[in-house]
C-alpha atoms as a PDB file:
ATOM      1  CA  MET A   1       0.000   0.000   0.000  1.00  0.00           C
ATOM      2  CA  ILE A   2       1.352   3.430  -0.977  1.00  0.00           C
ATOM      3  CA  THR A   3       1.237   5.930   1.872  1.00  0.00           C
ATOM      4  CA  GLN A   4       0.455   9.632   1.599  1.00  0.00           C
ATOM      5  CA  ASP A   5       4.037  10.461   2.693  1.00  0.00           C
ATOM      6  CA  TYR A   6       5.404   8.356  -0.153  1.00  0.00           C
ATOM      7  CA  GLN A   7       3.136  10.081  -2.674  1.00  0.00           C
ATOM      8  CA  ASN A   8       4.141  13.512  -1.351  1.00  0.00           C
ATOM      9  CA  THR A   9       7.827  12.605  -1.594  1.00  0.00           C
ATOM     10  CA  ARG A  10       7.397  11.490  -5.206  1.00  0.00           C
ATOM     11  CA  LYS A  11       5.467  14.646  -6.070  1.00  0.00           C
ATOM     12  CA  CYS A  12       8.149  16.788  -4.458  1.00  0.00           C
ATOM     13  CA  LEU A  13      10.884  14.883  -6.292  1.00  0.00           C
ATOM     14  CA  TYR A  14       9.360  15.353  -9.721  1.00  0.00           C
ATOM     15  CA  THR A  15       8.440  18.978  -9.005  1.00  0.00           C
ATOM     16  CA  ARG A  16      11.995  19.809  -7.969  1.00  0.00           C
ATOM     17  CA  ILE A  17      13.556  18.035 -10.945  1.00  0.00           C
ATOM     18  CA  ARG A  18      11.228  19.792 -13.381  1.00  0.00           C
ATOM     19  CA  THR A  19      11.840  23.171 -11.706  1.00  0.00           C
ATOM     20  CA  LEU A  20      15.626  22.745 -11.744  1.00  0.00           C
ATOM     21  CA  ARG A  21      15.539  21.689 -15.400  1.00  0.00           C
ATOM     22  CA  LYS A  22      13.449  24.689 -16.410  1.00  0.00           C
ATOM     23  CA  LYS A  23      15.569  27.064 -14.324  1.00  0.00           C
ATOM     24  CA  GLU A  24      18.606  25.956 -16.338  1.00  0.00           C
ATOM     25  CA  HIS A  25      16.630  26.268 -19.621  1.00  0.00           C
ATOM     26  CA  ILE A  26      17.120  22.596 -20.438  1.00  0.00           C
ATOM     27  CA  THR A  27      14.496  20.835 -22.533  1.00  0.00           C
ATOM     28  CA  GLN A  28      13.237  17.340 -21.807  1.00  0.00           C
ATOM     29  CA  GLU A  29      14.936  16.266 -25.035  1.00  0.00           C
ATOM     30  CA  LYS A  30      18.319  17.591 -23.828  1.00  0.00           C
ATOM     31  CA  MET A  31      17.865  15.968 -20.400  1.00  0.00           C
ATOM     32  CA  ALA A  32      17.059  12.653 -22.053  1.00  0.00           C
ATOM     33  CA  GLN A  33      20.162  12.910 -24.244  1.00  0.00           C
ATOM     34  CA  ARG A  34      22.380  13.677 -21.238  1.00  0.00           C
ATOM     35  CA  LEU A  35      20.902  10.702 -19.375  1.00  0.00           C
ATOM     36  CA  GLY A  36      21.114   8.352 -22.353  1.00  0.00           C
ATOM     37  CA  ILE A  37      17.385   7.632 -22.476  1.00  0.00           C
ATOM     38  CA  SER A  38      14.531   8.550 -24.814  1.00  0.00           C
ATOM     39  CA  ARG A  39      12.630  11.815 -24.382  1.00  0.00           C
ATOM     40  CA  ARG A  40       9.425   9.876 -23.858  1.00  0.00           C
ATOM     41  CA  THR A  41      10.983   7.829 -21.064  1.00  0.00           C
ATOM     42  CA  TYR A  42      12.314  10.972 -19.415  1.00  0.00           C
ATOM     43  CA  ALA A  43       8.927  12.720 -19.744  1.00  0.00           C
ATOM     44  CA  ASN A  44       7.238   9.727 -18.109  1.00  0.00           C
ATOM     45  CA  TYR A  45       9.751   9.868 -15.257  1.00  0.00           C
ATOM     46  CA  GLU A  46       9.274  13.610 -14.760  1.00  0.00           C
ATOM     47  CA  ARG A  47       5.481  13.305 -14.712  1.00  0.00           C
ATOM     48  CA  GLY A  48       5.676  10.464 -12.199  1.00  0.00           C
ATOM     49  CA  ILE A  49       4.156   7.898 -14.536  1.00  0.00           C
ATOM     50  CA  HIS A  50       7.152   5.615 -14.012  1.00  0.00           C
ATOM     51  CA  ALA A  51       9.513   5.571 -11.044  1.00  0.00           C
ATOM     52  CA  MET A  52      13.040   6.734 -11.831  1.00  0.00           C
ATOM     53  CA  PRO A  53      15.815   4.211 -11.272  1.00  0.00           C
ATOM     54  CA  VAL A  54      18.316   5.223  -8.597  1.00  0.00           C
ATOM     55  CA  GLU A  55      21.055   5.517 -11.234  1.00  0.00           C
ATOM     56  CA  ILE A  56      19.025   8.140 -13.119  1.00  0.00           C
ATOM     57  CA  LEU A  57      18.257  10.044  -9.913  1.00  0.00           C
ATOM     58  CA  ALA A  58      21.934  10.079  -8.965  1.00  0.00           C
ATOM     59  CA  ARG A  59      22.917  11.372 -12.408  1.00  0.00           C
ATOM     60  CA  ILE A  60      20.283  14.124 -12.202  1.00  0.00           C
ATOM     61  CA  ALA A  61      21.540  15.156  -8.753  1.00  0.00           C
ATOM     62  CA  ASP A  62      25.081  15.314 -10.164  1.00  0.00           C
ATOM     63  CA  MET A  63      23.915  17.347 -13.181  1.00  0.00           C
ATOM     64  CA  PHE A  64      22.408  19.992 -10.917  1.00  0.00           C
ATOM     65  CA  SER A  65      25.125  19.760  -8.225  1.00  0.00           C
ATOM     66  CA  THR A  66      22.623  18.845  -5.553  1.00  0.00           C
ATOM     67  CA  SER A  67      21.904  15.862  -3.330  1.00  0.00           C
ATOM     68  CA  LEU A  68      19.294  13.152  -3.529  1.00  0.00           C
ATOM     69  CA  ASP A  69      18.086  14.336  -0.128  1.00  0.00           C
ATOM     70  CA  TYR A  70      17.387  17.783  -1.584  1.00  0.00           C
ATOM     71  CA  LEU A  71      15.480  16.307  -4.509  1.00  0.00           C
ATOM     72  CA  VAL A  72      13.126  14.426  -2.187  1.00  0.00           C
ATOM     73  CA  GLY A  73      12.792  17.248   0.356  1.00  0.00           C
ATOM     74  CA  ARG A  74      15.029  15.771   3.042  1.00  0.00           C
ATOM     75  CA  ASP A  75      17.802  18.333   3.108  1.00  0.00           C
ATOM     76  CA  LEU A  76      17.892  19.267   6.790  1.00  0.00           C
ATOM     77  CA  PRO A  77      21.340  18.392   8.189  1.00  0.00           C
ATOM     78  CA  PRO A  78      21.708  16.649  11.553  1.00  0.00           C
ATOM     79  CA  VAL A  79      21.450  18.956  14.589  1.00  0.00           C
ATOM     80  CA  GLN A  80      25.182  18.892  15.322  1.00  0.00           C
ATOM     81  CA  GLU A  81      25.923  20.288  11.841  1.00  0.00           C
ATOM     82  CA  LEU A  82      23.579  23.265  12.172  1.00  0.00           C
ATOM     83  CA  PRO A  83      25.097  26.667  12.926  1.00  0.00           C
ATOM     84  CA  GLU A  84      24.078  27.931  16.372  1.00  0.00           C
ATOM     85  CA  SER A  85      21.720  30.492  14.861  1.00  0.00           C
ATOM     86  CA  ARG A  86      19.782  27.712  13.103  1.00  0.00           C
ATOM     87  CA  GLU A  87      19.204  25.410  16.092  1.00  0.00           C
ATOM     88  CA  ALA A  88      15.890  27.020  17.022  1.00  0.00           C
ATOM     89  CA  TYR A  89      14.031  25.459  14.124  1.00  0.00           C
ATOM     90  CA  ASP A  90      15.869  22.187  13.704  1.00  0.00           C
ATOM     91  CA  ARG A  91      13.288  19.891  15.291  1.00  0.00           C
ATOM     92  CA  THR A  92      10.134  22.016  15.453  1.00  0.00           C
ATOM     93  CA  GLY A  93       8.149  19.628  13.284  1.00  0.00           C
ATOM     94  CA  THR A  94       8.225  21.967  10.298  1.00  0.00           C
ATOM     95  CA  ASN A  95       9.952  20.478   7.288  1.00  0.00           C
ATOM     96  CA  ARG A  96      12.705  23.033   6.651  1.00  0.00           C
ATOM     97  CA  ASN A  97      16.011  22.907   4.858  1.00  0.00           C
ATOM     98  CA  TYR A  98      19.407  24.088   6.092  1.00  0.00           C
ATOM     99  CA  HIS A  99      18.640  27.662   5.072  1.00  0.00           C
ATOM    100  CA  GLY A 100      15.406  27.738   7.079  1.00  0.00           C
ATOM    101  CA  GLU A 101      13.156  27.597   4.034  1.00  0.00           C
ATOM    102  CA  ASN A 102       9.846  25.819   4.480  1.00  0.00           C
ATOM    103  CA  LEU A 103       9.774  22.753   2.235  1.00  0.00           C
ATOM    104  CA  GLN A 104       6.061  22.071   2.398  1.00  0.00           C
ATOM    105  CA  ASN A 105       5.547  23.534  -1.072  1.00  0.00           C
ATOM    106  CA  CYS A 106       8.465  21.528  -2.554  1.00  0.00           C
ATOM    107  CA  GLN A 107       9.891  24.440  -4.522  1.00  0.00           C
ATOM    108  CA  PRO A 108      13.657  24.791  -4.928  1.00  0.00           C
END
């Protein structure tokens, strides 16, 4: 059974990948070429029709110089790595990244 958290993570993943691609002015065709797959396959991945293999996700993270954790909305570092000024929000229950940005809307 697929949980709501899993569906939200997938939605966030595909939203972030699409947003990063568009921010860099890269077409789906160009992304597919860089990944060595067809445009149709890439489009199906980006729309969430098919799950992306880990190898593809890792290559996308490398292309955009980001982490897999960022792509899925899990980019809050452990408490001991937070600067002192950031400790106030580290475990408040709000999904925030290292910079204090709210990740509920899944935008980069």
